[in-house]
Amino acid sequence: MVRTFSNGSEGVQQWQLDLAEGDDPGYHLPGSAVWAVHGSMSPIVAGIRTLLMQSLHPGALAGVHEHSNFREDPLGRLANTIRWIFTVTYGSKEAAENASRRVRRLHEAVQGSYRDSQGAQRTYSANDPELASWIHLAFTDAFLTAHKLWGGTIPGGPDAYVREWAQAGRLMGVEDPPLTEAELHRQLDRWYESGDLRVDARVAETVEFVRNPPLNRVLRPGYRILFAGAVYSLEPRYRRMLGLNVPRLGPLPLPVRLATKLVLGVVRLALGRRGPSELAARERLRRLGVPSAEAG
């Protein structure tokens, strides 16, 4: 299972060990909402939900299809995304900023054009603030929703998570990230009502890939449950757009929420309470004399 999240590599990755380096505490500390959410197992479901949500924007989807090798190396793409998330979460400010600059440099080549829902030709760029905003909103909503369903308490509540993770949006060029859960929902509503989100054959292909990724057969039963959990967590309007339904047995809905919780519990036992990224961050914080380094 560890190899799945690290693109097949054994043991702790060097970039994780490097999170012990740096001369500042970072943007987020133990006891923060971000540490609580990202240190739980709910992000596994949130990651699946994020991919489903992000696919609804034709510019975001065109960038993935035309400028990545997600079909040939989905675990590599997953590992790169995890690296950025954990570096911003646990690293020093310098590490978080460097990691974000690296991603934005890679995004410079991700541009092209697509036809919108009215048939007009539109250009896209992965570093465009508007597109970056949709990516940030889909991510934040997915991680917050999944944690409310399957995680523990959030220090400061949902607003604290949205406010704290807004920094990640700014690092990626988002000009006006939401600072409260209510504003997060308002911005998502504006996107939904704009007509810019759409479903076509490319979205259907992406959804099918996310539903059935090339995983080791031992992991597939658990993943099917986690995918069902991601679908369960979606708002009904997005489920309808994506053509997805919560699994049922005849007229009765299956206990997806409970089954997802059980699978995440098994993953927690396999991976341990604290991952290497968090442990490295705590080492840095102890060296800097940060009182909260031993908290949690």
C-alpha atoms as a PDB file:
ATOM      1  CA  MET A   1       0.000   0.000   0.000  1.00  0.00           C
ATOM      2  CA  VAL A   2       2.841   2.412   0.822  1.00  0.00           C
ATOM      3  CA  ARG A   3       4.318   1.717  -2.615  1.00  0.00           C
ATOM      4  CA  THR A   4       1.019   2.736  -4.231  1.00  0.00           C
ATOM      5  CA  PHE A   5       1.255   6.258  -2.771  1.00  0.00           C
ATOM      6  CA  SER A   6       4.956   6.592  -3.590  1.00  0.00           C
ATOM      7  CA  ASN A   7       4.817   5.434  -7.214  1.00  0.00           C
ATOM      8  CA  GLY A   8       6.185   1.980  -6.456  1.00  0.00           C
ATOM      9  CA  SER A   9       9.171   3.156  -4.415  1.00  0.00           C
ATOM     10  CA  GLU A  10      10.175   1.384  -1.248  1.00  0.00           C
ATOM     11  CA  GLY A  11      10.701   3.193   2.055  1.00  0.00           C
ATOM     12  CA  VAL A  12      10.721   6.889   2.852  1.00  0.00           C
ATOM     13  CA  GLN A  13      11.351   9.282  -0.023  1.00  0.00           C
ATOM     14  CA  GLN A  14      14.198  11.809   0.119  1.00  0.00           C
ATOM     15  CA  TRP A  15      11.826  14.749  -0.307  1.00  0.00           C
ATOM     16  CA  GLN A  16      10.014  13.596   2.840  1.00  0.00           C
ATOM     17  CA  LEU A  17      13.254  13.476   4.836  1.00  0.00           C
ATOM     18  CA  ASP A  18      14.079  16.949   3.514  1.00  0.00           C
ATOM     19  CA  LEU A  19      11.015  18.346   5.307  1.00  0.00           C
ATOM     20  CA  ALA A  20      13.151  18.211   8.463  1.00  0.00           C
ATOM     21  CA  GLU A  21      15.316  20.955   6.902  1.00  0.00           C
ATOM     22  CA  GLY A  22      14.560  24.667   6.874  1.00  0.00           C
ATOM     23  CA  ASP A  23      14.856  27.632   9.193  1.00  0.00           C
ATOM     24  CA  ASP A  24      11.220  28.546   9.741  1.00  0.00           C
ATOM     25  CA  PRO A  25       8.176  26.683  11.129  1.00  0.00           C
ATOM     26  CA  GLY A  26       6.235  26.804   7.876  1.00  0.00           C
ATOM     27  CA  TYR A  27       2.751  27.985   7.030  1.00  0.00           C
ATOM     28  CA  HIS A  28       1.015  25.324   9.148  1.00  0.00           C
ATOM     29  CA  LEU A  29       1.738  23.904  12.594  1.00  0.00           C
ATOM     30  CA  PRO A  30       0.643  20.949  14.735  1.00  0.00           C
ATOM     31  CA  GLY A  31      -2.837  21.662  16.020  1.00  0.00           C
ATOM     32  CA  SER A  32      -3.817  23.521  12.869  1.00  0.00           C
ATOM     33  CA  ALA A  33      -6.849  22.628  10.798  1.00  0.00           C
ATOM     34  CA  VAL A  34      -4.617  21.744   7.846  1.00  0.00           C
ATOM     35  CA  TRP A  35      -2.557  19.274   9.891  1.00  0.00           C
ATOM     36  CA  ALA A  36      -5.735  17.690  11.244  1.00  0.00           C
ATOM     37  CA  VAL A  37      -7.330  17.226   7.816  1.00  0.00           C
ATOM     38  CA  HIS A  38      -4.240  16.222   5.863  1.00  0.00           C
ATOM     39  CA  GLY A  39      -2.950  13.958   8.608  1.00  0.00           C
ATOM     40  CA  SER A  40      -6.103  11.829   8.611  1.00  0.00           C
ATOM     41  CA  MET A  41      -7.060   9.117   6.133  1.00  0.00           C
ATOM     42  CA  SER A  42      -9.958  11.070   4.616  1.00  0.00           C
ATOM     43  CA  PRO A  43      -7.678  12.685   1.959  1.00  0.00           C
ATOM     44  CA  ILE A  44      -7.580   9.321   0.160  1.00  0.00           C
ATOM     45  CA  VAL A  45     -11.293   9.642  -0.605  1.00  0.00           C
ATOM     46  CA  ALA A  46     -10.912  13.392  -1.114  1.00  0.00           C
ATOM     47  CA  GLY A  47      -8.282  12.813  -3.803  1.00  0.00           C
ATOM     48  CA  ILE A  48     -10.689  10.659  -5.808  1.00  0.00           C
ATOM     49  CA  ARG A  49     -13.474  13.215  -5.370  1.00  0.00           C
ATOM     50  CA  THR A  50     -11.140  16.019  -6.444  1.00  0.00           C
ATOM     51  CA  LEU A  51     -10.335  14.264  -9.730  1.00  0.00           C
ATOM     52  CA  LEU A  52     -14.042  13.788 -10.451  1.00  0.00           C
ATOM     53  CA  MET A  53     -14.868  17.415  -9.677  1.00  0.00           C
ATOM     54  CA  GLN A  54     -11.937  18.927 -11.541  1.00  0.00           C
ATOM     55  CA  SER A  55     -12.845  16.975 -14.679  1.00  0.00           C
ATOM     56  CA  LEU A  56     -16.001  19.099 -15.046  1.00  0.00           C
ATOM     57  CA  HIS A  57     -13.945  22.085 -16.217  1.00  0.00           C
ATOM     58  CA  PRO A  58     -13.056  21.555 -19.905  1.00  0.00           C
ATOM     59  CA  GLY A  59      -9.868  23.608 -19.603  1.00  0.00           C
ATOM     60  CA  ALA A  60      -8.602  21.603 -16.637  1.00  0.00           C
ATOM     61  CA  LEU A  61      -9.505  18.366 -18.382  1.00  0.00           C
ATOM     62  CA  ALA A  62      -7.862  19.387 -21.654  1.00  0.00           C
ATOM     63  CA  GLY A  63      -4.657  20.132 -19.781  1.00  0.00           C
ATOM     64  CA  VAL A  64      -4.638  16.662 -18.199  1.00  0.00           C
ATOM     65  CA  HIS A  65      -5.444  14.828 -21.425  1.00  0.00           C
ATOM     66  CA  GLU A  66      -3.118  16.802 -23.687  1.00  0.00           C
ATOM     67  CA  HIS A  67      -0.152  17.455 -21.405  1.00  0.00           C
ATOM     68  CA  SER A  68       0.186  14.519 -19.022  1.00  0.00           C
ATOM     69  CA  ASN A  69       0.746  10.788 -19.129  1.00  0.00           C
ATOM     70  CA  PHE A  70      -1.920   9.996 -16.562  1.00  0.00           C
ATOM     71  CA  ARG A  71      -3.041   6.862 -18.429  1.00  0.00           C
ATOM     72  CA  GLU A  72       0.459   5.398 -18.628  1.00  0.00           C
ATOM     73  CA  ASP A  73       1.673   6.550 -15.208  1.00  0.00           C
ATOM     74  CA  PRO A  74      -1.242   7.460 -12.928  1.00  0.00           C
ATOM     75  CA  LEU A  75       0.704   6.575  -9.789  1.00  0.00           C
ATOM     76  CA  GLY A  76       3.509   8.916 -10.809  1.00  0.00           C
ATOM     77  CA  ARG A  77       1.054  11.776 -11.157  1.00  0.00           C
ATOM     78  CA  LEU A  78      -0.482  10.845  -7.802  1.00  0.00           C
ATOM     79  CA  ALA A  79       2.945  10.784  -6.135  1.00  0.00           C
ATOM     80  CA  ASN A  80       3.802  14.243  -7.521  1.00  0.00           C
ATOM     81  CA  THR A  81       0.518  15.680  -6.258  1.00  0.00           C
ATOM     82  CA  ILE A  82       1.038  14.161  -2.805  1.00  0.00           C
ATOM     83  CA  ARG A  83       4.550  15.602  -2.720  1.00  0.00           C
ATOM     84  CA  TRP A  84       3.240  19.134  -3.306  1.00  0.00           C
ATOM     85  CA  ILE A  85       0.378  18.789  -0.788  1.00  0.00           C
ATOM     86  CA  PHE A  86       2.609  17.443   1.975  1.00  0.00           C
ATOM     87  CA  THR A  87       5.398  19.938   1.297  1.00  0.00           C
ATOM     88  CA  VAL A  88       2.979  22.869   1.631  1.00  0.00           C
ATOM     89  CA  THR A  89       1.364  21.220   4.664  1.00  0.00           C
ATOM     90  CA  TYR A  90       4.466  20.174   6.582  1.00  0.00           C
ATOM     91  CA  GLY A  91       7.445  21.967   5.054  1.00  0.00           C
ATOM     92  CA  SER A  92       9.100  25.269   5.828  1.00  0.00           C
ATOM     93  CA  LYS A  93       7.806  28.337   4.021  1.00  0.00           C
ATOM     94  CA  GLU A  94      10.834  28.200   1.743  1.00  0.00           C
ATOM     95  CA  ALA A  95      10.139  24.545   0.883  1.00  0.00           C
ATOM     96  CA  ALA A  96       6.447  25.247   0.245  1.00  0.00           C
ATOM     97  CA  GLU A  97       7.241  28.206  -1.999  1.00  0.00           C
ATOM     98  CA  ASN A  98       9.914  26.300  -3.912  1.00  0.00           C
ATOM     99  CA  ALA A  99       7.580  23.329  -4.437  1.00  0.00           C
ATOM    100  CA  SER A 100       4.834  25.616  -5.698  1.00  0.00           C
ATOM    101  CA  ARG A 101       7.204  27.457  -8.049  1.00  0.00           C
ATOM    102  CA  ARG A 102       8.314  24.075  -9.403  1.00  0.00           C
ATOM    103  CA  VAL A 103       4.735  23.076 -10.154  1.00  0.00           C
ATOM    104  CA  ARG A 104       3.988  26.444 -11.755  1.00  0.00           C
ATOM    105  CA  ARG A 105       7.088  26.109 -13.962  1.00  0.00           C
ATOM    106  CA  LEU A 106       5.858  22.718 -15.114  1.00  0.00           C
ATOM    107  CA  HIS A 107       2.455  24.293 -15.784  1.00  0.00           C
ATOM    108  CA  GLU A 108       3.942  26.920 -18.124  1.00  0.00           C
ATOM    109  CA  ALA A 109       3.798  24.457 -21.015  1.00  0.00           C
ATOM    110  CA  VAL A 110       0.256  23.332 -20.168  1.00  0.00           C
ATOM    111  CA  GLN A 111      -1.807  25.487 -22.473  1.00  0.00           C
ATOM    112  CA  GLY A 112      -3.997  25.058 -25.495  1.00  0.00           C
ATOM    113  CA  SER A 113      -7.621  25.509 -26.533  1.00  0.00           C
ATOM    114  CA  TYR A 114     -10.991  23.828 -26.172  1.00  0.00           C
ATOM    115  CA  ARG A 115     -14.588  24.399 -27.211  1.00  0.00           C
ATOM    116  CA  ASP A 116     -16.886  25.650 -24.491  1.00  0.00           C
ATOM    117  CA  SER A 117     -20.499  24.598 -23.939  1.00  0.00           C
ATOM    118  CA  GLN A 118     -21.646  27.152 -26.564  1.00  0.00           C
ATOM    119  CA  GLY A 119     -19.186  25.805 -29.135  1.00  0.00           C
ATOM    120  CA  ALA A 120     -16.855  28.806 -28.979  1.00  0.00           C
ATOM    121  CA  GLN A 121     -13.099  28.266 -29.081  1.00  0.00           C
ATOM    122  CA  ARG A 122     -11.421  29.232 -25.806  1.00  0.00           C
ATOM    123  CA  THR A 123      -7.819  29.108 -24.673  1.00  0.00           C
ATOM    124  CA  TYR A 124      -6.616  27.646 -21.403  1.00  0.00           C
ATOM    125  CA  SER A 125      -3.436  27.810 -19.362  1.00  0.00           C
ATOM    126  CA  ALA A 126      -2.749  25.804 -16.214  1.00  0.00           C
ATOM    127  CA  ASN A 127      -1.306  28.944 -14.592  1.00  0.00           C
ATOM    128  CA  ASP A 128      -4.357  31.076 -15.434  1.00  0.00           C
ATOM    129  CA  PRO A 129      -5.720  32.451 -12.125  1.00  0.00           C
ATOM    130  CA  GLU A 130      -9.311  31.586 -13.054  1.00  0.00           C
ATOM    131  CA  LEU A 131      -8.488  27.965 -13.845  1.00  0.00           C
ATOM    132  CA  ALA A 132      -6.259  27.767 -10.765  1.00  0.00           C
ATOM    133  CA  SER A 133      -9.234  29.008  -8.753  1.00  0.00           C
ATOM    134  CA  TRP A 134     -11.435  26.120  -9.929  1.00  0.00           C
ATOM    135  CA  ILE A 135      -8.704  23.613  -9.099  1.00  0.00           C
ATOM    136  CA  HIS A 136      -8.313  25.133  -5.626  1.00  0.00           C
ATOM    137  CA  LEU A 137     -12.067  25.199  -4.959  1.00  0.00           C
ATOM    138  CA  ALA A 138     -12.551  21.582  -6.046  1.00  0.00           C
ATOM    139  CA  PHE A 139      -9.608  20.502  -3.882  1.00  0.00           C
ATOM    140  CA  THR A 140     -10.666  22.447  -0.790  1.00  0.00           C
ATOM    141  CA  ASP A 141     -14.292  21.340  -1.006  1.00  0.00           C
ATOM    142  CA  ALA A 142     -13.314  17.702  -1.508  1.00  0.00           C
ATOM    143  CA  PHE A 143     -10.871  17.576   1.397  1.00  0.00           C
ATOM    144  CA  LEU A 144     -13.202  19.438   3.742  1.00  0.00           C
ATOM    145  CA  THR A 145     -16.260  17.356   2.836  1.00  0.00           C
ATOM    146  CA  ALA A 146     -14.423  14.026   3.096  1.00  0.00           C
ATOM    147  CA  HIS A 147     -12.998  14.967   6.474  1.00  0.00           C
ATOM    148  CA  LYS A 148     -16.407  15.992   7.802  1.00  0.00           C
ATOM    149  CA  LEU A 149     -17.697  12.553   6.778  1.00  0.00           C
ATOM    150  CA  TRP A 150     -14.744  10.333   7.760  1.00  0.00           C
ATOM    151  CA  GLY A 151     -12.210  12.380   9.704  1.00  0.00           C
ATOM    152  CA  GLY A 152     -12.126  13.660  13.258  1.00  0.00           C
ATOM    153  CA  THR A 153     -12.701  17.142  14.594  1.00  0.00           C
ATOM    154  CA  ILE A 154     -11.164  20.156  12.860  1.00  0.00           C
ATOM    155  CA  PRO A 155      -9.443  22.654  15.182  1.00  0.00           C
ATOM    156  CA  GLY A 156     -11.269  25.935  14.637  1.00  0.00           C
ATOM    157  CA  GLY A 157     -13.914  24.225  12.521  1.00  0.00           C
ATOM    158  CA  PRO A 158     -14.385  24.127   8.734  1.00  0.00           C
ATOM    159  CA  ASP A 159     -13.767  27.861   8.350  1.00  0.00           C
ATOM    160  CA  ALA A 160     -10.291  27.432   9.809  1.00  0.00           C
ATOM    161  CA  TYR A 161      -9.395  24.809   7.206  1.00  0.00           C
ATOM    162  CA  VAL A 162     -10.673  26.931   4.316  1.00  0.00           C
ATOM    163  CA  ARG A 163      -8.822  29.994   5.655  1.00  0.00           C
ATOM    164  CA  GLU A 164      -5.553  28.151   6.303  1.00  0.00           C
ATOM    165  CA  TRP A 165      -5.488  26.272   2.991  1.00  0.00           C
ATOM    166  CA  ALA A 166      -6.159  29.527   1.125  1.00  0.00           C
ATOM    167  CA  GLN A 167      -2.395  30.058   1.436  1.00  0.00           C
ATOM    168  CA  ALA A 168      -1.840  27.068  -0.845  1.00  0.00           C
ATOM    169  CA  GLY A 169      -4.161  28.678  -3.375  1.00  0.00           C
ATOM    170  CA  ARG A 170      -2.187  31.920  -3.251  1.00  0.00           C
ATOM    171  CA  LEU A 171       1.063  30.036  -3.804  1.00  0.00           C
ATOM    172  CA  MET A 172      -0.501  28.591  -6.974  1.00  0.00           C
ATOM    173  CA  GLY A 173      -1.676  31.966  -8.282  1.00  0.00           C
ATOM    174  CA  VAL A 174      -5.277  32.023  -7.022  1.00  0.00           C
ATOM    175  CA  GLU A 175      -6.209  35.676  -6.646  1.00  0.00           C
ATOM    176  CA  ASP A 176      -9.233  35.470  -4.358  1.00  0.00           C
ATOM    177  CA  PRO A 177      -9.351  32.148  -2.501  1.00  0.00           C
ATOM    178  CA  PRO A 178     -12.317  31.754  -0.139  1.00  0.00           C
ATOM    179  CA  LEU A 179     -11.658  32.271   3.564  1.00  0.00           C
ATOM    180  CA  THR A 180     -14.831  30.672   4.961  1.00  0.00           C
ATOM    181  CA  GLU A 181     -16.871  27.579   4.172  1.00  0.00           C
ATOM    182  CA  ALA A 182     -19.817  29.788   3.170  1.00  0.00           C
ATOM    183  CA  GLU A 183     -17.660  31.710   0.683  1.00  0.00           C
ATOM    184  CA  LEU A 184     -16.278  28.422  -0.647  1.00  0.00           C
ATOM    185  CA  HIS A 185     -19.826  27.295  -1.421  1.00  0.00           C
ATOM    186  CA  ARG A 186     -20.734  30.672  -2.935  1.00  0.00           C
ATOM    187  CA  GLN A 187     -17.784  30.520  -5.307  1.00  0.00           C
ATOM    188  CA  LEU A 188     -18.640  26.932  -6.267  1.00  0.00           C
ATOM    189  CA  ASP A 189     -22.246  27.998  -6.890  1.00  0.00           C
ATOM    190  CA  ARG A 190     -21.047  30.749  -9.221  1.00  0.00           C
ATOM    191  CA  TRP A 191     -19.043  28.215 -11.216  1.00  0.00           C
ATOM    192  CA  TYR A 192     -22.014  25.862 -11.423  1.00  0.00           C
ATOM    193  CA  GLU A 193     -24.377  28.636 -12.546  1.00  0.00           C
ATOM    194  CA  SER A 194     -21.890  30.071 -15.063  1.00  0.00           C
ATOM    195  CA  GLY A 195     -22.374  27.225 -17.530  1.00  0.00           C
ATOM    196  CA  ASP A 196     -18.608  26.820 -17.866  1.00  0.00           C
ATOM    197  CA  LEU A 197     -18.695  23.328 -16.356  1.00  0.00           C
ATOM    198  CA  ARG A 198     -19.774  20.577 -18.723  1.00  0.00           C
ATOM    199  CA  VAL A 199     -19.781  16.870 -19.415  1.00  0.00           C
ATOM    200  CA  ASP A 200     -18.720  15.245 -22.691  1.00  0.00           C
ATOM    201  CA  ALA A 201     -17.094  12.046 -23.939  1.00  0.00           C
ATOM    202  CA  ARG A 202     -13.725  13.090 -22.536  1.00  0.00           C
ATOM    203  CA  VAL A 203     -15.247  13.527 -19.061  1.00  0.00           C
ATOM    204  CA  ALA A 204     -16.904  10.109 -19.325  1.00  0.00           C
ATOM    205  CA  GLU A 205     -13.553   8.580 -20.284  1.00  0.00           C
ATOM    206  CA  THR A 206     -11.872  10.235 -17.309  1.00  0.00           C
ATOM    207  CA  VAL A 207     -14.569   9.113 -14.884  1.00  0.00           C
ATOM    208  CA  GLU A 208     -14.220   5.539 -16.121  1.00  0.00           C
ATOM    209  CA  PHE A 209     -10.459   5.697 -15.651  1.00  0.00           C
ATOM    210  CA  VAL A 210     -10.838   7.039 -12.100  1.00  0.00           C
ATOM    211  CA  ARG A 211     -13.406   4.323 -11.418  1.00  0.00           C
ATOM    212  CA  ASN A 212     -11.106   1.548 -12.656  1.00  0.00           C
ATOM    213  CA  PRO A 213      -7.436   2.616 -12.389  1.00  0.00           C
ATOM    214  CA  PRO A 214      -4.674   0.056 -13.056  1.00  0.00           C
ATOM    215  CA  LEU A 215      -4.182  -1.024  -9.441  1.00  0.00           C
ATOM    216  CA  ASN A 216      -2.803  -4.233  -8.017  1.00  0.00           C
ATOM    217  CA  ARG A 217      -5.669  -6.715  -7.823  1.00  0.00           C
ATOM    218  CA  VAL A 218      -5.252  -6.978  -4.040  1.00  0.00           C
ATOM    219  CA  LEU A 219      -6.113  -3.274  -3.704  1.00  0.00           C
ATOM    220  CA  ARG A 220      -9.063  -3.217  -6.103  1.00  0.00           C
ATOM    221  CA  PRO A 221     -11.867  -4.304  -3.700  1.00  0.00           C
ATOM    222  CA  GLY A 222     -10.901  -1.616  -1.197  1.00  0.00           C
ATOM    223  CA  TYR A 223     -10.550   0.989  -3.931  1.00  0.00           C
ATOM    224  CA  ARG A 224     -14.037   0.217  -5.242  1.00  0.00           C
ATOM    225  CA  ILE A 225     -15.401   1.078  -1.811  1.00  0.00           C
ATOM    226  CA  LEU A 226     -13.340   4.277  -1.626  1.00  0.00           C
ATOM    227  CA  PHE A 227     -14.577   5.292  -5.087  1.00  0.00           C
ATOM    228  CA  ALA A 228     -18.154   4.700  -3.925  1.00  0.00           C
ATOM    229  CA  GLY A 229     -17.368   6.871  -0.907  1.00  0.00           C
ATOM    230  CA  ALA A 230     -16.125   9.660  -3.176  1.00  0.00           C
ATOM    231  CA  VAL A 231     -19.344   9.448  -5.199  1.00  0.00           C
ATOM    232  CA  TYR A 232     -21.382   9.447  -1.972  1.00  0.00           C
ATOM    233  CA  SER A 233     -19.619  12.633  -0.844  1.00  0.00           C
ATOM    234  CA  LEU A 234     -20.449  14.547  -4.040  1.00  0.00           C
ATOM    235  CA  GLU A 235     -23.336  16.973  -4.089  1.00  0.00           C
ATOM    236  CA  PRO A 236     -26.276  15.450  -6.020  1.00  0.00           C
ATOM    237  CA  ARG A 237     -25.975  18.074  -8.778  1.00  0.00           C
ATOM    238  CA  TYR A 238     -22.405  17.001  -9.532  1.00  0.00           C
ATOM    239  CA  ARG A 239     -23.293  13.312  -9.331  1.00  0.00           C
ATOM    240  CA  ARG A 240     -25.994  13.950 -11.928  1.00  0.00           C
ATOM    241  CA  MET A 241     -23.570  15.805 -14.204  1.00  0.00           C
ATOM    242  CA  LEU A 242     -21.041  12.984 -13.965  1.00  0.00           C
ATOM    243  CA  GLY A 243     -23.646  10.257 -14.448  1.00  0.00           C
ATOM    244  CA  LEU A 244     -22.786   8.651 -11.116  1.00  0.00           C
ATOM    245  CA  ASN A 245     -25.016   7.140  -8.454  1.00  0.00           C
ATOM    246  CA  VAL A 246     -24.535   5.955  -4.902  1.00  0.00           C
ATOM    247  CA  PRO A 247     -24.597   2.127  -5.055  1.00  0.00           C
ATOM    248  CA  ARG A 248     -27.911   0.504  -4.146  1.00  0.00           C
ATOM    249  CA  LEU A 249     -29.219  -2.984  -3.611  1.00  0.00           C
ATOM    250  CA  GLY A 250     -32.614  -2.774  -5.247  1.00  0.00           C
ATOM    251  CA  PRO A 251     -34.488   0.089  -3.553  1.00  0.00           C
ATOM    252  CA  LEU A 252     -32.081   0.217  -0.609  1.00  0.00           C
ATOM    253  CA  PRO A 253     -28.875   2.280  -0.538  1.00  0.00           C
ATOM    254  CA  LEU A 254     -25.786   0.315   0.441  1.00  0.00           C
ATOM    255  CA  PRO A 255     -23.944   1.394   3.637  1.00  0.00           C
ATOM    256  CA  VAL A 256     -21.255   3.246   1.692  1.00  0.00           C
ATOM    257  CA  ARG A 257     -20.364   5.658   4.481  1.00  0.00           C
ATOM    258  CA  LEU A 258     -19.742   2.859   6.978  1.00  0.00           C
ATOM    259  CA  ALA A 259     -17.878   0.680   4.457  1.00  0.00           C
ATOM    260  CA  THR A 260     -15.628   3.603   3.550  1.00  0.00           C
ATOM    261  CA  LYS A 261     -14.879   4.240   7.221  1.00  0.00           C
ATOM    262  CA  LEU A 262     -13.884   0.593   7.680  1.00  0.00           C
ATOM    263  CA  VAL A 263     -11.552   0.620   4.659  1.00  0.00           C
ATOM    264  CA  LEU A 264      -9.914   3.855   5.828  1.00  0.00           C
ATOM    265  CA  GLY A 265      -9.394   2.231   9.227  1.00  0.00           C
ATOM    266  CA  VAL A 266      -7.540  -0.633   7.579  1.00  0.00           C
ATOM    267  CA  VAL A 267      -5.398   1.851   5.633  1.00  0.00           C
ATOM    268  CA  ARG A 268      -4.588   3.682   8.871  1.00  0.00           C
ATOM    269  CA  LEU A 269      -3.406   0.439  10.443  1.00  0.00           C
ATOM    270  CA  ALA A 270      -1.223  -0.269   7.388  1.00  0.00           C
ATOM    271  CA  LEU A 271       0.320   3.201   7.127  1.00  0.00           C
ATOM    272  CA  GLY A 272       0.572   4.117  10.807  1.00  0.00           C
ATOM    273  CA  ARG A 273      -0.703   7.049  12.848  1.00  0.00           C
ATOM    274  CA  ARG A 274       1.932   9.517  11.653  1.00  0.00           C
ATOM    275  CA  GLY A 275       3.509   9.498   8.234  1.00  0.00           C
ATOM    276  CA  PRO A 276       7.163  10.274   7.458  1.00  0.00           C
ATOM    277  CA  SER A 277       6.333  13.782   6.221  1.00  0.00           C
ATOM    278  CA  GLU A 278       4.744  14.730   9.535  1.00  0.00           C
ATOM    279  CA  LEU A 279       7.547  13.120  11.536  1.00  0.00           C
ATOM    280  CA  ALA A 280      10.169  15.047   9.562  1.00  0.00           C
ATOM    281  CA  ALA A 281       8.259  18.286  10.094  1.00  0.00           C
ATOM    282  CA  ARG A 282       8.109  17.663  13.842  1.00  0.00           C
ATOM    283  CA  GLU A 283      11.872  17.122  13.832  1.00  0.00           C
ATOM    284  CA  ARG A 284      12.351  20.535  12.207  1.00  0.00           C
ATOM    285  CA  LEU A 285       9.948  22.189  14.651  1.00  0.00           C
ATOM    286  CA  ARG A 286      11.732  20.664  17.665  1.00  0.00           C
ATOM    287  CA  ARG A 287      15.050  21.957  16.333  1.00  0.00           C
ATOM    288  CA  LEU A 288      13.513  25.423  16.027  1.00  0.00           C
ATOM    289  CA  GLY A 289      12.074  25.238  19.529  1.00  0.00           C
ATOM    290  CA  VAL A 290       8.427  25.423  18.469  1.00  0.00           C
ATOM    291  CA  PRO A 291       6.331  24.467  21.542  1.00  0.00           C
ATOM    292  CA  SER A 292       3.649  22.631  19.538  1.00  0.00           C
ATOM    293  CA  ALA A 293       6.162  20.190  17.989  1.00  0.00           C
ATOM    294  CA  GLU A 294       5.078  17.415  20.369  1.00  0.00           C
ATOM    295  CA  ALA A 295       1.356  18.229  20.263  1.00  0.00           C
ATOM    296  CA  GLY A 296      -1.237  15.876  18.840  1.00  0.00           C
END
